[in-house]
Amino acid sequence: MRCVLLGGAGFIGSHLAQGLLDAGHHVRIFDRQGGGAPRGFPGAERIEWQEGDFLIRRDLAQALGGCDAVFHLVSTTLPGTANENPVHDIQTNVIGTLHMLDEALAARVAKIVFVSSGGTVYGVPREIPVAETHPTEPITAYGIGKLTIEKYLGLYRALHGLDYRVLRLANPFGERQNVASGQGAVSTFLYRAQRGEPIEVWGNGTVVRDYVYVGDVADAFVRALSYEGEHRIINIGSGVGHDLNEIVAAIERVTGRPLRPRFLPGRNFDVPANVLDVRLARRELGWQPATDLETGLMRTLQWLRNTSAS
């Protein structure tokens, strides 16, 4: 299939592009102007690159033209900052996506695969692990925006027959994550640990999250492309919870360095625990997380060391 990855030059996109190429698909990446292929991007020479603005419809029309499937990886905000300007979140993420869906209809795209947030759309879990049937009561603008896009995907299917799949991700980590953004506790902690810099932990370290290796995430997206079953929304995570204190201890083991985290006041948008139930993904996609936490940490650490040395 001819696939376009919107926002595909980033962390998840680089791994997904490699997975799609390995599966024999044609890959086009659409990302911000001036971006181009990042250094060390695997398979870059086999990828069709287009630069443009997600909020400009003619750029979207060009990006989607001739493609069978769209992977929507764009997010203009972060979970930790979206509450500061919810209007911006709606204008850029939700309205931008609606324009993209209209262009997808015009281009006769067969399927949309959207990356949603299993860590925010559910809100405070009533039970752990969190299944897809759990109520969705997000407490962040970021989660509300993701859930709104999910609902519009359902509407466009009902009105126009546009096929879609939503993968609700846990907390992905791994090589090529942008540690400068501060998003992704695992990669950020590793980066600071191998540089001998202090680690800052929000709260007392007991917040529990589901950390899933990005290579496993990419595998799930590739499988979702060919999935024709009845389920539209599927959780993707490790199915295992770790609190931040456990993450710090694991990083100490793989780096061989003692860490002295600095604990900061907790954030009011952080739910106390989030672990996803991934049984539906196992059953429907034939997928399961294949990389345990410490293996993923070692791969990420090796990438950080190689990047620092080059």
Protein backbone atom coordinates (compact mmCIF):
# COMPACT_ATOMS: atom_id res chain seq x y z
CA MET A 1 0.00 0.00 0.00
CA ARG A 2 1.00 3.63 -0.46
CA CYS A 3 1.14 5.09 3.04
CA VAL A 4 1.63 8.68 4.17
CA LEU A 5 2.86 9.36 7.70
CA LEU A 6 1.70 12.79 8.85
CA GLY A 7 4.29 13.96 11.36
CA GLY A 8 6.38 10.97 10.36
CA ALA A 9 9.84 12.51 10.81
CA GLY A 10 9.62 12.19 14.58
CA PHE A 11 10.12 9.56 17.24
CA ILE A 12 7.32 7.11 16.49
CA GLY A 13 7.31 7.90 12.79
CA SER A 14 10.92 6.86 12.26
CA HIS A 15 10.25 3.40 13.70
CA LEU A 16 6.92 3.04 11.91
CA ALA A 17 8.46 4.02 8.57
CA GLN A 18 11.06 1.28 8.95
CA GLY A 19 8.37 -1.25 9.85
CA LEU A 20 6.26 -0.33 6.82
CA LEU A 21 9.24 -0.49 4.49
CA ASP A 22 10.17 -3.91 5.85
CA ALA A 23 6.60 -5.06 5.20
CA GLY A 24 6.86 -3.98 1.55
CA HIS A 25 4.80 -0.79 1.64
CA HIS A 26 5.59 2.51 -0.05
CA VAL A 27 6.23 5.25 2.53
CA ARG A 28 5.74 8.98 2.17
CA ILE A 29 6.57 11.20 5.12
CA PHE A 30 4.94 14.61 5.51
CA ASP A 31 6.43 16.86 8.16
CA ARG A 32 7.27 20.45 8.95
CA GLN A 33 9.14 22.64 6.52
CA GLY A 34 12.87 22.59 6.98
CA GLY A 35 12.72 19.22 8.69
CA GLY A 36 13.75 16.68 6.07
CA ALA A 37 15.26 13.36 7.02
CA PRO A 38 16.73 13.50 10.53
CA ARG A 39 20.28 12.29 10.98
CA GLY A 40 20.35 8.53 11.34
CA PHE A 41 16.79 8.06 10.08
CA PRO A 42 16.65 4.38 8.98
CA GLY A 43 15.66 3.73 5.37
CA ALA A 44 15.57 7.45 4.56
CA GLU A 45 16.76 6.88 1.00
CA ARG A 46 13.71 4.67 0.30
CA ILE A 47 11.20 7.20 1.61
CA GLU A 48 9.36 9.90 -0.32
CA TRP A 49 9.71 13.14 1.67
CA GLN A 50 7.28 16.07 1.57
CA GLU A 51 7.53 19.20 3.66
CA GLY A 52 4.59 21.38 4.57
CA ASP A 53 2.24 22.70 7.20
CA PHE A 54 -0.43 20.45 8.72
CA LEU A 55 -2.72 23.49 9.02
CA ILE A 56 -2.55 24.43 5.32
CA ARG A 57 -5.06 22.46 3.29
CA ARG A 58 -3.20 22.59 -0.01
CA ASP A 59 -0.19 21.06 1.72
CA LEU A 60 -2.41 18.32 3.10
CA ALA A 61 -3.96 17.70 -0.30
CA GLN A 62 -0.52 17.24 -1.82
CA ALA A 63 0.57 14.97 1.03
CA LEU A 64 -2.46 12.68 0.74
CA GLY A 65 -2.66 12.55 -3.04
CA GLY A 66 -2.31 9.03 -4.42
CA CYS A 67 -2.12 7.38 -0.99
CA ASP A 68 -4.15 4.42 0.23
CA ALA A 69 -3.63 4.93 3.95
CA VAL A 70 -2.86 7.79 6.33
CA PHE A 71 -1.05 7.41 9.65
CA HIS A 72 -1.96 10.48 11.69
CA LEU A 73 0.93 11.05 14.10
CA VAL A 74 0.71 14.85 14.34
CA SER A 75 0.29 16.52 17.71
CA THR A 76 0.95 20.23 18.13
CA THR A 77 0.76 20.13 21.93
CA LEU A 78 2.07 18.06 24.83
CA PRO A 79 0.08 16.56 27.72
CA GLY A 80 1.89 18.81 30.19
CA THR A 81 1.25 22.08 28.35
CA ALA A 82 -2.10 21.67 26.55
CA ASN A 83 -4.06 22.94 29.57
CA GLU A 84 -2.28 26.28 29.29
CA ASN A 85 -4.02 27.06 25.99
CA PRO A 86 -6.96 24.77 25.20
CA VAL A 87 -8.07 27.01 22.33
CA HIS A 88 -4.74 26.44 20.57
CA ASP A 89 -5.11 22.71 21.14
CA ILE A 90 -8.54 22.68 19.46
CA GLN A 91 -7.56 25.00 16.62
CA THR A 92 -4.41 23.14 15.67
CA ASN A 93 -5.13 19.51 16.51
CA VAL A 94 -8.89 19.06 16.17
CA ILE A 95 -9.68 21.53 13.39
CA GLY A 96 -6.49 20.60 11.57
CA THR A 97 -7.58 16.97 11.68
CA LEU A 98 -11.05 17.81 10.34
CA HIS A 99 -9.46 19.53 7.34
CA MET A 100 -7.25 16.46 6.88
CA LEU A 101 -10.29 14.17 6.92
CA ASP A 102 -11.97 16.26 4.22
CA GLU A 103 -8.82 16.02 2.11
CA ALA A 104 -8.70 12.27 2.74
CA LEU A 105 -12.21 11.94 1.33
CA ALA A 106 -11.23 13.99 -1.73
CA ALA A 107 -8.14 11.83 -2.24
CA ARG A 108 -10.16 8.61 -1.83
CA VAL A 109 -7.97 7.40 1.03
CA ALA A 110 -9.02 3.93 2.14
CA LYS A 111 -7.97 4.00 5.81
CA ILE A 112 -6.87 6.35 8.60
CA VAL A 113 -4.76 5.04 11.49
CA PHE A 114 -4.69 7.53 14.36
CA VAL A 115 -2.36 7.62 17.36
CA SER A 116 -4.44 8.45 20.42
CA SER A 117 -3.48 8.59 24.08
CA GLY A 118 -4.26 5.67 26.34
CA GLY A 119 -2.60 7.61 29.13
CA THR A 120 -5.00 10.57 29.04
CA VAL A 121 -8.35 9.76 27.38
CA TYR A 122 -9.53 7.54 30.24
CA GLY A 123 -8.87 10.04 33.03
CA VAL A 124 -8.54 8.64 36.55
CA PRO A 125 -8.89 4.86 36.18
CA ARG A 126 -11.68 3.12 38.07
CA GLU A 127 -9.86 -0.17 37.65
CA ILE A 128 -6.43 -1.38 36.55
CA PRO A 129 -5.63 -2.49 33.91
CA VAL A 130 -7.74 -0.11 31.81
CA ALA A 131 -9.70 -1.76 29.01
CA GLU A 132 -11.09 -0.05 25.90
CA THR A 133 -14.57 -0.23 27.44
CA HIS A 134 -13.52 1.93 30.41
CA PRO A 135 -15.34 5.31 30.60
CA THR A 136 -13.47 8.16 28.92
CA GLU A 137 -13.26 11.12 31.30
CA PRO A 138 -10.02 12.96 30.46
CA ILE A 139 -8.76 15.62 32.87
CA THR A 140 -6.41 17.33 30.40
CA ALA A 141 -7.02 19.38 27.26
CA TYR A 142 -4.64 17.01 25.49
CA GLY A 143 -6.81 14.00 26.30
CA ILE A 144 -10.01 15.86 25.41
CA GLY A 145 -8.52 16.76 22.02
CA LYS A 146 -7.49 13.18 21.31
CA LEU A 147 -10.91 11.87 22.30
CA THR A 148 -12.63 14.52 20.16
CA ILE A 149 -10.64 13.39 17.13
CA GLU A 150 -11.64 9.79 17.85
CA LYS A 151 -15.30 10.83 17.82
CA TYR A 152 -14.93 12.70 14.53
CA LEU A 153 -13.31 9.65 12.97
CA GLY A 154 -16.41 7.71 13.96
CA LEU A 155 -18.62 10.42 12.48
CA TYR A 156 -16.78 10.42 9.15
CA ARG A 157 -17.11 6.67 8.95
CA ALA A 158 -20.86 6.90 9.62
CA LEU A 159 -21.39 9.75 7.14
CA HIS A 160 -18.87 8.91 4.42
CA GLY A 161 -17.69 5.33 4.95
CA LEU A 162 -14.11 6.41 5.75
CA ASP A 163 -12.42 3.45 7.44
CA TYR A 164 -10.22 4.09 10.46
CA ARG A 165 -8.45 2.51 13.40
CA VAL A 166 -7.44 4.21 16.64
CA LEU A 167 -4.51 2.94 18.67
CA ARG A 168 -4.53 4.28 22.22
CA LEU A 169 -0.89 4.28 23.25
CA ALA A 170 0.54 3.99 26.72
CA ASN A 171 3.90 5.73 27.33
CA PRO A 172 6.26 4.90 24.46
CA PHE A 173 10.02 5.13 24.91
CA GLY A 174 13.09 4.24 22.94
CA GLU A 175 15.64 5.42 20.42
CA ARG A 176 15.21 8.79 18.73
CA GLN A 177 12.81 10.19 21.32
CA ASN A 178 13.25 13.95 21.65
CA VAL A 179 14.72 14.27 25.13
CA ALA A 180 14.97 18.06 24.75
CA SER A 181 11.17 18.35 24.86
CA GLY A 182 11.01 16.83 28.33
CA GLN A 183 8.32 14.43 27.19
CA GLY A 184 8.93 10.81 28.06
CA ALA A 185 10.25 10.19 31.55
CA VAL A 186 12.25 7.08 30.62
CA SER A 187 14.29 8.60 27.79
CA THR A 188 14.71 11.92 29.61
CA PHE A 189 15.92 10.21 32.78
CA LEU A 190 18.34 8.04 30.79
CA TYR A 191 19.69 11.05 28.91
CA ARG A 192 20.36 12.95 32.10
CA ALA A 193 21.77 9.92 33.88
CA GLN A 194 24.37 9.17 31.22
CA ARG A 195 25.39 12.86 31.24
CA GLY A 196 25.64 12.95 35.02
CA GLU A 197 22.86 15.53 35.27
CA PRO A 198 20.24 15.62 38.05
CA ILE A 199 16.91 13.86 37.54
CA GLU A 200 13.71 15.66 38.48
CA VAL A 201 10.69 13.63 39.55
CA TRP A 202 7.22 15.15 39.80
CA GLY A 203 5.63 14.07 43.08
CA ASN A 204 7.05 11.39 45.37
CA GLY A 205 7.83 8.88 42.60
CA THR A 206 4.81 6.64 43.18
CA VAL A 207 2.93 7.63 40.00
CA VAL A 208 2.48 4.42 37.99
CA ARG A 209 2.64 4.31 34.20
CA ASP A 210 2.68 1.73 31.43
CA TYR A 211 5.95 2.07 29.48
CA VAL A 212 6.03 0.38 26.07
CA TYR A 213 9.04 0.11 23.76
CA VAL A 214 8.64 2.08 20.53
CA GLY A 215 9.65 -0.84 18.29
CA ASP A 216 6.68 -2.78 19.64
CA VAL A 217 4.46 0.25 19.03
CA ALA A 218 5.56 0.40 15.39
CA ASP A 219 4.75 -3.30 14.98
CA ALA A 220 1.22 -2.66 16.27
CA PHE A 221 0.69 0.15 13.76
CA VAL A 222 1.84 -2.01 10.87
CA ARG A 223 -0.58 -4.73 11.94
CA ALA A 224 -3.42 -2.20 12.28
CA LEU A 225 -2.97 -1.24 8.63
CA SER A 226 -4.14 -4.66 7.43
CA TYR A 227 -6.61 -5.32 10.26
CA GLU A 228 -10.18 -5.68 8.95
CA GLY A 229 -11.95 -6.74 12.15
CA GLU A 230 -14.83 -5.03 13.90
CA HIS A 231 -12.89 -3.17 16.58
CA ARG A 232 -12.02 0.46 15.84
CA ILE A 233 -10.21 1.36 19.07
CA ILE A 234 -7.41 -0.77 20.50
CA ASN A 235 -5.05 -0.22 23.45
CA ILE A 236 -1.32 -0.58 22.87
CA GLY A 237 0.92 -0.83 25.93
CA SER A 238 3.12 -3.21 27.86
CA GLY A 239 0.28 -4.20 30.19
CA VAL A 240 2.70 -3.75 33.12
CA GLY A 241 2.89 -0.78 35.46
CA HIS A 242 6.05 0.76 36.92
CA ASP A 243 6.25 3.73 39.24
CA LEU A 244 8.91 6.38 38.76
CA ASN A 245 10.97 5.10 41.66
CA GLU A 246 11.16 1.72 39.91
CA ILE A 247 12.21 3.45 36.69
CA VAL A 248 15.01 5.25 38.53
CA ALA A 249 16.18 1.95 40.04
CA ALA A 250 16.13 0.24 36.63
CA ILE A 251 18.18 3.06 35.12
CA GLU A 252 20.70 2.71 37.94
CA ARG A 253 21.06 -0.97 37.04
CA VAL A 254 21.59 -0.47 33.30
CA THR A 255 23.92 2.55 33.68
CA GLY A 256 25.78 1.29 36.72
CA ARG A 257 25.47 4.76 38.24
CA PRO A 258 23.71 5.78 41.45
CA LEU A 259 21.11 8.47 40.84
CA ARG A 260 19.94 11.14 43.22
CA PRO A 261 16.52 12.26 41.99
CA ARG A 262 15.18 15.62 43.05
CA PHE A 263 11.49 15.42 43.95
CA LEU A 264 9.27 18.30 42.87
CA PRO A 265 5.63 19.05 43.76
CA GLY A 266 3.15 16.78 42.01
CA ARG A 267 1.17 18.00 38.98
CA ASN A 268 -2.61 18.20 39.16
CA PHE A 269 -3.10 16.64 35.71
CA ASP A 270 -1.18 13.46 36.54
CA VAL A 271 -3.50 10.55 37.30
CA PRO A 272 -2.10 8.32 40.09
CA ALA A 273 -1.88 5.20 37.92
CA ASN A 274 -2.43 4.13 34.33
CA VAL A 275 -1.82 0.63 32.98
CA LEU A 276 -3.52 -0.52 29.79
CA ASP A 277 -5.29 -3.81 29.22
CA VAL A 278 -3.84 -5.10 25.93
CA ARG A 279 -5.76 -8.36 25.59
CA LEU A 280 -7.80 -6.98 22.67
CA ALA A 281 -4.61 -6.21 20.72
CA ARG A 282 -3.37 -9.74 21.35
CA ARG A 283 -6.61 -11.25 20.13
CA GLU A 284 -7.42 -8.98 17.19
CA LEU A 285 -4.02 -7.86 15.88
CA GLY A 286 -2.03 -10.93 16.87
CA TRP A 287 0.27 -8.44 18.60
CA GLN A 288 1.92 -8.44 21.96
CA PRO A 289 4.73 -6.43 23.56
CA ALA A 290 7.97 -8.26 22.85
CA THR A 291 10.49 -6.02 24.60
CA ASP A 292 10.79 -5.89 28.37
CA LEU A 293 11.64 -2.68 30.21
CA GLU A 294 15.33 -3.33 30.82
CA THR A 295 15.98 -4.50 27.26
CA GLY A 296 14.33 -1.33 25.98
CA LEU A 297 16.38 0.74 28.43
CA MET A 298 19.62 -0.84 27.19
CA ARG A 299 18.75 -0.15 23.54
CA THR A 300 17.84 3.44 24.31
CA LEU A 301 21.00 3.94 26.36
CA GLN A 302 23.16 2.57 23.56
CA TRP A 303 21.52 4.96 21.10
CA LEU A 304 22.11 7.90 23.45
CA ARG A 305 25.78 6.94 23.79
CA ASN A 306 26.21 6.56 20.05
CA THR A 307 24.51 9.90 19.47
CA SER A 308 26.74 11.63 21.99
CA ALA A 309 29.85 10.12 20.43
CA SER A 310 28.98 11.09 16.85
